[in-house]
């Protein structure tokens, strides 16, 4: 039982970290898209 609960806790933590990483990568992708589009517009 202890192994089971520990595994589920680890899985929950990994799931939360995965959602945070997904949010972060989406944010970075938006920033890079914004910068590249502005660069082609001659701002950068």
PDB file of N, CA and C in Angstrom:
ATOM      1  N   UNK A   1       0.826  -1.212   0.000  1.00  0.00           N
ATOM      2  CA  UNK A   1       0.000   0.000   0.000  1.00  0.00           C
ATOM      3  C   UNK A   1       0.862   1.263   0.000  1.00  0.00           C
ATOM      4  N   UNK A   2       1.920   1.235   0.790  1.00  0.00           N
ATOM      5  CA  UNK A   2       2.774   2.426   0.867  1.00  0.00           C
ATOM      6  C   UNK A   2       3.427   2.715  -0.482  1.00  0.00           C
ATOM      7  N   UNK A   3       3.870   1.656  -1.162  1.00  0.00           N
ATOM      8  CA  UNK A   3       4.480   1.829  -2.484  1.00  0.00           C
ATOM      9  C   UNK A   3       3.459   2.413  -3.464  1.00  0.00           C
ATOM     10  N   UNK A   4       2.218   1.943  -3.375  1.00  0.00           N
ATOM     11  CA  UNK A   4       1.161   2.417  -4.263  1.00  0.00           C
ATOM     12  C   UNK A   4       0.901   3.907  -4.084  1.00  0.00           C
ATOM     13  N   UNK A   5       0.753   4.344  -2.845  1.00  0.00           N
ATOM     14  CA  UNK A   5       0.461   5.749  -2.584  1.00  0.00           C
ATOM     15  C   UNK A   5       1.641   6.633  -2.990  1.00  0.00           C
ATOM     16  N   UNK A   6       2.853   6.149  -2.774  1.00  0.00           N
ATOM     17  CA  UNK A   6       4.036   6.915  -3.153  1.00  0.00           C
ATOM     18  C   UNK A   6       4.119   7.065  -4.667  1.00  0.00           C
ATOM     19  N   UNK A   7       3.763   6.009  -5.378  1.00  0.00           N
ATOM     20  CA  UNK A   7       3.806   6.036  -6.840  1.00  0.00           C
ATOM     21  C   UNK A   7       2.750   6.998  -7.379  1.00  0.00           C
ATOM     22  N   UNK A   8       1.562   6.977  -6.770  1.00  0.00           N
ATOM     23  CA  UNK A   8       0.490   7.867  -7.233  1.00  0.00           C
ATOM     24  C   UNK A   8       0.843   9.315  -6.925  1.00  0.00           C
ATOM     25  N   UNK A   9       1.495   9.545  -5.788  1.00  0.00           N
ATOM     26  CA  UNK A   9       1.911  10.901  -5.429  1.00  0.00           C
ATOM     27  C   UNK A   9       2.956  11.404  -6.410  1.00  0.00           C
ATOM     28  N   UNK A  10       3.897  10.531  -6.766  1.00  0.00           N
ATOM     29  CA  UNK A  10       4.929  10.905  -7.732  1.00  0.00           C
ATOM     30  C   UNK A  10       4.306  11.200  -9.094  1.00  0.00           C
ATOM     31  N   UNK A  11       3.306  10.397  -9.476  1.00  0.00           N
ATOM     32  CA  UNK A  11       2.633  10.593 -10.758  1.00  0.00           C
ATOM     33  C   UNK A  11       1.886  11.921 -10.769  1.00  0.00           C
ATOM     34  N   UNK A  12       1.245  12.254  -9.646  1.00  0.00           N
ATOM     35  CA  UNK A  12       0.506  13.514  -9.553  1.00  0.00           C
ATOM     36  C   UNK A  12       1.471  14.691  -9.660  1.00  0.00           C
ATOM     37  N   UNK A  13       2.603  14.589  -9.000  1.00  0.00           N
ATOM     38  CA  UNK A  13       3.613  15.650  -9.047  1.00  0.00           C
ATOM     39  C   UNK A  13       4.145  15.808 -10.467  1.00  0.00           C
ATOM     40  N   UNK A  14       4.397  14.669 -11.125  1.00  0.00           N
ATOM     41  CA  UNK A  14       4.906  14.717 -12.490  1.00  0.00           C
ATOM     42  C   UNK A  14       3.866  15.346 -13.417  1.00  0.00           C
ATOM     43  N   UNK A  15       2.612  15.032 -13.182  1.00  0.00           N
ATOM     44  CA  UNK A  15       1.539  15.582 -14.010  1.00  0.00           C
ATOM     45  C   UNK A  15       1.479  17.098 -13.838  1.00  0.00           C
ATOM     46  N   UNK A  16       1.634  17.562 -12.604  1.00  0.00           N
ATOM     47  CA  UNK A  16       1.602  19.006 -12.331  1.00  0.00           C
ATOM     48  C   UNK A  16       2.810  19.684 -12.965  1.00  0.00           C
ATOM     49  N   UNK A  17       3.981  19.086 -12.812  1.00  0.00           N
ATOM     50  CA  UNK A  17       5.193  19.652 -13.410  1.00  0.00           C
ATOM     51  C   UNK A  17       5.090  19.663 -14.929  1.00  0.00           C
ATOM     52  N   UNK A  18       4.432  18.640 -15.487  1.00  0.00           N
ATOM     53  CA  UNK A  18       4.273  18.566 -16.939  1.00  0.00           C
ATOM     54  C   UNK A  18       3.384  19.701 -17.444  1.00  0.00           C
ATOM     55  N   UNK A  19       2.315  19.990 -16.697  1.00  0.00           N
ATOM     56  CA  UNK A  19       1.412  21.073 -17.111  1.00  0.00           C
ATOM     57  C   UNK A  19       2.115  22.424 -17.006  1.00  0.00           C
ATOM     58  N   UNK A  20       2.958  22.587 -15.987  1.00  0.00           N
ATOM     59  CA  UNK A  20       3.721  23.830 -15.834  1.00  0.00           C
ATOM     60  C   UNK A  20       4.721  23.974 -16.975  1.00  0.00           C
ATOM     61  N   UNK A  21       5.396  22.875 -17.310  1.00  0.00           N
ATOM     62  CA  UNK A  21       6.370  22.907 -18.410  1.00  0.00           C
ATOM     63  C   UNK A  21       5.672  23.189 -19.735  1.00  0.00           C
ATOM     64  N   UNK A  22       4.463  22.637 -19.894  1.00  0.00           N
ATOM     65  CA  UNK A  22       3.700  22.862 -21.121  1.00  0.00           C
ATOM     66  C   UNK A  22       3.318  24.332 -21.237  1.00  0.00           C
ATOM     67  N   UNK A  23       2.901  24.910 -20.115  1.00  0.00           N
ATOM     68  CA  UNK A  23       2.533  26.332 -20.089  1.00  0.00           C
ATOM     69  C   UNK A  23       3.749  27.192 -20.421  1.00  0.00           C
ATOM     70  N   UNK A  24       4.894  26.829 -19.840  1.00  0.00           N
ATOM     71  CA  UNK A  24       6.125  27.595 -20.054  1.00  0.00           C
ATOM     72  C   UNK A  24       6.567  27.520 -21.514  1.00  0.00           C
ATOM     73  N   UNK A  25       6.508  26.339 -22.102  1.00  0.00           N
ATOM     74  CA  UNK A  25       6.923  26.191 -23.502  1.00  0.00           C
ATOM     75  C   UNK A  25       5.989  26.955 -24.438  1.00  0.00           C
ATOM     76  N   UNK A  26       4.701  26.984 -24.103  1.00  0.00           N
ATOM     77  CA  UNK A  26       3.735  27.732 -24.904  1.00  0.00           C
ATOM     78  C   UNK A  26       4.044  29.222 -24.828  1.00  0.00           C
ATOM     79  N   UNK A  27       4.396  29.692 -23.620  1.00  0.00           N
ATOM     80  CA  UNK A  27       4.753  31.091 -23.410  1.00  0.00           C
ATOM     81  C   UNK A  27       6.004  31.461 -24.194  1.00  0.00           C
ATOM     82  N   UNK A  28       7.009  30.576 -24.147  1.00  0.00           N
ATOM     83  CA  UNK A  28       8.261  30.824 -24.875  1.00  0.00           C
ATOM     84  C   UNK A  28       8.001  30.836 -26.381  1.00  0.00           C
ATOM     85  N   UNK A  29       7.123  29.927 -26.850  1.00  0.00           N
ATOM     86  CA  UNK A  29       6.821  29.864 -28.268  1.00  0.00           C
ATOM     87  C   UNK A  29       6.127  31.148 -28.726  1.00  0.00           C
ATOM     88  N   UNK A  30       5.257  31.695 -27.899  1.00  0.00           N
ATOM     89  CA  UNK A  30       4.572  32.940 -28.254  1.00  0.00           C
ATOM     90  C   UNK A  30       5.561  34.096 -28.325  1.00  0.00           C
ATOM     91  N   UNK A  31       6.510  34.129 -27.377  1.00  0.00           N
ATOM     92  CA  UNK A  31       7.509  35.203 -27.359  1.00  0.00           C
ATOM     93  C   UNK A  31       8.399  35.124 -28.599  1.00  0.00           C
ATOM     94  N   UNK A  32       8.857  33.920 -28.932  1.00  0.00           N
ATOM     95  CA  UNK A  32       9.736  33.779 -30.099  1.00  0.00           C
ATOM     96  C   UNK A  32       8.989  34.109 -31.386  1.00  0.00           C
ATOM     97  N   UNK A  33       7.720  33.738 -31.461  1.00  0.00           N
ATOM     98  CA  UNK A  33       6.917  34.067 -32.643  1.00  0.00           C
ATOM     99  C   UNK A  33       6.745  35.575 -32.748  1.00  0.00           C
ATOM    100  N   UNK A  34       6.501  36.223 -31.624  1.00  0.00           N
ATOM    101  CA  UNK A  34       6.314  37.674 -31.592  1.00  0.00           C
ATOM    102  C   UNK A  34       7.594  38.397 -32.023  1.00  0.00           C
ATOM    103  N   UNK A  35       8.727  37.926 -31.484  1.00  0.00           N
ATOM    104  CA  UNK A  35      10.008  38.564 -31.807  1.00  0.00           C
ATOM    105  C   UNK A  35      10.355  38.361 -33.282  1.00  0.00           C
ATOM    106  N   UNK A  36      10.166  37.156 -33.791  1.00  0.00           N
ATOM    107  CA  UNK A  36      10.512  36.891 -35.196  1.00  0.00           C
ATOM    108  C   UNK A  36       9.600  37.675 -36.135  1.00  0.00           C
ATOM    109  N   UNK A  37       8.323  37.810 -35.802  1.00  0.00           N
ATOM    110  CA  UNK A  37       7.409  38.558 -36.666  1.00  0.00           C
ATOM    111  C   UNK A  37       7.758  40.042 -36.648  1.00  0.00           C
ATOM    112  N   UNK A  38       8.180  40.548 -35.492  1.00  0.00           N
ATOM    113  CA  UNK A  38       8.581  41.950 -35.401  1.00  0.00           C
ATOM    114  C   UNK A  38       9.905  42.197 -36.110  1.00  0.00           C
ATOM    115  N   UNK A  39      10.778  41.177 -36.069  1.00  0.00           N
ATOM    116  CA  UNK A  39      12.072  41.304 -36.728  1.00  0.00           C
ATOM    117  C   UNK A  39      11.877  41.466 -38.230  1.00  0.00           C
ATOM    118  N   UNK A  40      10.936  40.713 -38.791  1.00  0.00           N
ATOM    119  CA  UNK A  40      10.682  40.802 -40.226  1.00  0.00           C
ATOM    120  C   UNK A  40       9.959  42.100 -40.580  1.00  0.00           C
ATOM    121  N   UNK A  41       9.347  42.720 -39.586  1.00  0.00           N
ATOM    122  CA  UNK A  41       8.691  44.002 -39.832  1.00  0.00           C
ATOM    123  C   UNK A  41       9.679  45.162 -39.726  1.00  0.00           C
ATOM    124  N   UNK A  42      10.924  44.872 -39.351  1.00  0.00           N
ATOM    125  CA  UNK A  42      11.949  45.896 -39.298  1.00  0.00           C
ATOM    126  C   UNK A  42      12.041  46.607 -37.964  1.00  0.00           C
ATOM    127  N   UNK A  43      11.367  46.087 -36.930  1.00  0.00           N
ATOM    128  CA  UNK A  43      11.438  46.733 -35.613  1.00  0.00           C
ATOM    129  C   UNK A  43      12.750  46.367 -34.928  1.00  0.00           C
ATOM    130  N   UNK A  44      13.153  45.067 -35.079  1.00  0.00           N
ATOM    131  CA  UNK A  44      14.402  44.636 -34.445  1.00  0.00           C
ATOM    132  C   UNK A  44      15.552  44.685 -35.442  1.00  0.00           C
TER     133      UNK A  44
END
